[in-house]
Amino acid sequence: MRGHRIAAVVGVLVVVAGGCGTPVGGPAGGTSANVTTTPDSRPLDDPSAWNSPPVDDPSARATRIAEFSRRRAPEAFAGTALNKAGPAILVYRKPGSGLDQAVTTIFAGVPVEFVDAVRSEVELRAVLDQVLGAAKEWSEQGVRVRSASMDFVHGRVEVMSPDGDRAVDLLKRRYGDVVEVVDGDVVPPTMPGTSRR
């Protein structure tokens, strides 16, 4: 990854056992997995609409850039991240969409570095929704899908399953290299006054 050390990732959606965790950048790519958002009506050509009020926090800046990029080039935008090695906000996108110029124009003065992405957030979201939508079918085939998340840095959807080789075989057969199966299981927390046996 060209020497980047990422301190925080903005815009990754993680779905665990039917619920959803929302990271610093808010829900990635619109509505899904019980997450709702309000449509953004800020004009795409007005820097003041995206930079007011001013923010110094890099996470807040990355969030604004992600929100802008999702609207400006949804077919190309993959995600934003903070670069621990320097002040630049990393913007992952598929090249050729004009997003680079739009971001540097709207967020003039904000240090940004553009990184080529394998897949857009929209493409990853579609696969994530397909995997989760077929969870019952997978279960009937002996594959328990415990969680799924979009990894825009590597351009894949990570699926956690305790069913090892069977999960890898079946999920890769259907989705190809866009899916990475991670061996694991989700254990619900113990409530006070109860015990696990």
Protein backbone atom coordinates (compact mmCIF):
# COMPACT_ATOMS: atom_id res chain seq x y z
CA MET A 1 0.00 0.00 0.00
CA ARG A 2 2.89 2.33 -0.86
CA GLY A 3 3.99 2.70 2.77
CA HIS A 4 0.79 4.16 4.16
CA ARG A 5 -0.03 3.47 7.77
CA ILE A 6 -3.72 3.94 8.25
CA ALA A 7 -4.74 5.16 11.67
CA ALA A 8 -8.47 5.18 11.17
CA VAL A 9 -10.78 4.04 8.45
CA VAL A 10 -13.83 6.12 7.68
CA GLY A 11 -16.91 4.70 6.00
CA VAL A 12 -16.65 0.98 6.63
CA LEU A 13 -19.91 -0.75 7.44
CA VAL A 14 -19.77 -3.78 9.69
CA VAL A 15 -22.82 -5.95 10.13
CA VAL A 16 -22.75 -8.39 13.02
CA ALA A 17 -25.48 -10.94 13.69
CA GLY A 18 -28.24 -8.83 12.13
CA GLY A 19 -27.18 -5.52 13.72
CA CYS A 20 -24.96 -2.76 12.52
CA GLY A 21 -22.03 -0.74 13.82
CA THR A 22 -21.47 2.73 12.39
CA PRO A 23 -17.89 4.02 12.30
CA VAL A 24 -16.62 7.60 12.43
CA GLY A 25 -17.61 8.36 8.85
CA GLY A 26 -21.24 7.34 9.21
CA PRO A 27 -23.04 4.67 7.26
CA ALA A 28 -21.26 3.76 4.08
CA GLY A 29 -23.19 4.31 0.90
CA GLY A 30 -26.75 5.08 1.93
CA THR A 31 -29.31 2.83 3.48
CA SER A 32 -28.92 -0.84 4.26
CA ALA A 33 -28.80 -3.21 7.21
CA ASN A 34 -31.29 -1.19 9.28
CA VAL A 35 -29.40 2.09 8.77
CA THR A 36 -31.27 5.13 7.47
CA THR A 37 -29.89 8.44 6.29
CA THR A 38 -31.36 11.77 5.30
CA PRO A 39 -30.77 12.78 1.68
CA ASP A 40 -27.99 15.35 1.37
CA SER A 41 -29.10 18.47 -0.49
CA ARG A 42 -25.85 20.47 -0.38
CA PRO A 43 -24.87 21.71 -3.85
CA LEU A 44 -21.92 19.81 -5.31
CA ASP A 45 -20.31 22.93 -6.78
CA ASP A 46 -20.29 25.16 -3.67
CA PRO A 47 -17.20 24.84 -1.43
CA SER A 48 -18.86 26.84 1.38
CA ALA A 49 -21.65 24.25 1.61
CA TRP A 50 -19.09 21.54 2.38
CA ASN A 51 -16.65 23.56 4.50
CA SER A 52 -18.98 25.37 6.87
CA PRO A 53 -18.57 25.43 9.75
CA PRO A 54 -14.80 24.97 9.47
CA VAL A 55 -13.39 21.90 11.22
CA ASP A 56 -9.85 21.13 12.36
CA ASP A 57 -10.48 17.51 13.28
CA PRO A 58 -9.10 15.20 10.54
CA SER A 59 -11.88 12.65 11.13
CA ALA A 60 -14.53 15.32 10.58
CA ARG A 61 -12.77 16.47 7.40
CA ALA A 62 -12.56 12.89 6.15
CA THR A 63 -16.27 12.44 6.87
CA ARG A 64 -17.14 15.53 4.83
CA ILE A 65 -14.96 14.39 1.95
CA ALA A 66 -16.63 10.96 2.06
CA GLU A 67 -20.12 12.50 2.06
CA PHE A 68 -19.21 14.72 -0.90
CA SER A 69 -17.52 11.90 -2.82
CA ARG A 70 -20.48 9.52 -2.38
CA ARG A 71 -22.71 12.06 -4.08
CA ARG A 72 -20.25 13.34 -6.69
CA ALA A 73 -18.97 9.98 -7.97
CA PRO A 74 -20.74 7.00 -6.39
CA GLU A 75 -19.52 4.72 -9.18
CA ALA A 76 -15.89 5.52 -8.29
CA PHE A 77 -15.71 6.40 -4.58
CA ALA A 78 -14.57 3.61 -2.26
CA GLY A 79 -13.76 5.25 1.09
CA THR A 80 -11.60 7.64 3.09
CA ALA A 81 -8.95 6.99 5.70
CA LEU A 82 -6.58 8.95 7.89
CA ASN A 83 -2.90 8.55 7.09
CA LYS A 84 -0.94 8.05 10.31
CA ALA A 85 2.32 8.83 8.52
CA GLY A 86 1.22 12.34 7.55
CA PRO A 87 -1.54 14.91 7.50
CA ALA A 88 -3.15 13.78 4.23
CA ILE A 89 -6.60 12.27 4.11
CA LEU A 90 -6.53 9.23 1.87
CA VAL A 91 -9.35 9.09 -0.66
CA TYR A 92 -9.79 5.66 -2.22
CA ARG A 93 -11.47 5.83 -5.61
CA LYS A 94 -11.48 4.13 -8.97
CA PRO A 95 -9.48 6.42 -11.28
CA GLY A 96 -10.93 8.32 -14.20
CA SER A 97 -14.14 9.72 -12.71
CA GLY A 98 -13.05 13.33 -12.21
CA LEU A 99 -13.40 12.91 -8.44
CA ASP A 100 -9.79 13.96 -7.79
CA GLN A 101 -10.31 17.38 -9.34
CA ALA A 102 -13.71 17.84 -7.67
CA VAL A 103 -12.36 17.02 -4.20
CA THR A 104 -9.30 19.28 -4.53
CA THR A 105 -11.53 22.11 -5.77
CA ILE A 106 -14.21 21.82 -3.07
CA PHE A 107 -11.74 21.08 -0.24
CA ALA A 108 -8.94 23.43 -1.34
CA GLY A 109 -6.18 23.57 1.24
CA VAL A 110 -7.03 20.21 2.82
CA PRO A 111 -4.15 17.77 2.34
CA VAL A 112 -5.57 14.87 0.33
CA GLU A 113 -3.89 11.90 -1.33
CA PHE A 114 -5.78 9.80 -3.88
CA VAL A 115 -5.34 6.03 -3.84
CA ASP A 116 -6.53 3.70 -6.60
CA ALA A 117 -9.33 1.38 -5.47
CA VAL A 118 -10.19 -2.02 -6.89
CA ARG A 119 -13.94 -1.63 -6.33
CA SER A 120 -16.26 1.22 -5.42
CA GLU A 121 -18.29 1.41 -2.24
CA VAL A 122 -21.43 0.84 -4.33
CA GLU A 123 -19.98 -2.38 -5.78
CA LEU A 124 -18.91 -3.63 -2.35
CA ARG A 125 -22.30 -2.71 -0.86
CA ALA A 126 -24.07 -4.76 -3.53
CA VAL A 127 -22.02 -7.86 -2.67
CA LEU A 128 -22.43 -7.30 1.09
CA ASP A 129 -26.21 -7.04 0.64
CA GLN A 130 -26.25 -10.20 -1.49
CA VAL A 131 -24.27 -12.20 1.08
CA LEU A 132 -26.44 -11.02 3.97
CA GLY A 133 -29.64 -11.42 1.96
CA ALA A 134 -28.73 -15.05 1.34
CA ALA A 135 -27.79 -15.82 4.98
CA LYS A 136 -30.69 -18.25 5.37
CA GLU A 137 -29.74 -20.04 2.17
CA TRP A 138 -26.11 -20.26 3.33
CA SER A 139 -27.22 -21.63 6.68
CA GLU A 140 -29.26 -24.33 4.94
CA GLN A 141 -26.07 -25.29 3.07
CA GLY A 142 -24.07 -25.55 6.29
CA VAL A 143 -22.43 -22.11 6.20
CA ARG A 144 -23.18 -19.79 9.10
CA VAL A 145 -22.57 -16.14 8.15
CA ARG A 146 -21.75 -14.39 11.45
CA SER A 147 -20.76 -10.97 10.16
CA ALA A 148 -19.80 -9.14 7.00
CA SER A 149 -17.93 -5.91 6.35
CA MET A 150 -16.73 -3.87 3.41
CA ASP A 151 -12.95 -3.48 3.14
CA PHE A 152 -12.42 -0.73 0.58
CA VAL A 153 -8.64 -0.71 1.09
CA HIS A 154 -8.39 -4.22 -0.36
CA GLY A 155 -11.58 -4.05 -2.45
CA ARG A 156 -13.39 -6.94 -0.85
CA VAL A 157 -16.19 -7.99 1.47
CA GLU A 158 -14.99 -9.88 4.53
CA VAL A 159 -17.40 -12.55 5.74
CA MET A 160 -16.92 -14.16 9.16
CA SER A 161 -17.98 -17.77 9.42
CA PRO A 162 -17.01 -20.62 11.76
CA ASP A 163 -17.48 -23.08 8.89
CA GLY A 164 -13.95 -22.87 7.44
CA ASP A 165 -13.30 -24.64 4.16
CA ARG A 166 -16.99 -25.15 3.38
CA ALA A 167 -17.64 -21.41 3.69
CA VAL A 168 -14.61 -20.58 1.55
CA ASP A 169 -15.64 -23.08 -1.12
CA LEU A 170 -19.29 -22.03 -1.41
CA LEU A 171 -18.87 -18.27 -0.98
CA LYS A 172 -15.90 -18.03 -3.36
CA ARG A 173 -17.74 -20.16 -5.91
CA ARG A 174 -20.62 -17.66 -5.97
CA TYR A 175 -18.87 -14.32 -5.43
CA GLY A 176 -15.29 -14.91 -6.58
CA ASP A 177 -12.37 -12.93 -5.22
CA VAL A 178 -14.55 -10.07 -3.99
CA VAL A 179 -15.30 -12.16 -0.87
CA GLU A 180 -12.70 -13.00 1.76
CA VAL A 181 -13.82 -15.55 4.33
CA VAL A 182 -12.52 -14.98 7.85
CA ASP A 183 -12.68 -17.93 10.23
CA GLY A 184 -14.49 -16.98 13.42
CA ASP A 185 -17.66 -16.92 15.42
CA VAL A 186 -19.53 -14.24 17.32
CA VAL A 187 -20.12 -15.02 20.96
CA PRO A 188 -22.87 -12.95 22.61
CA PRO A 189 -21.84 -11.21 25.82
CA THR A 190 -22.84 -12.71 29.15
CA MET A 191 -25.48 -10.66 30.94
CA PRO A 192 -24.99 -9.94 34.64
CA GLY A 193 -26.45 -12.77 36.73
CA THR A 194 -26.13 -15.38 33.97
CA SER A 195 -23.43 -17.82 33.00
CA ARG A 196 -22.25 -19.60 29.87
CA ARG A 197 -22.15 -23.36 29.90
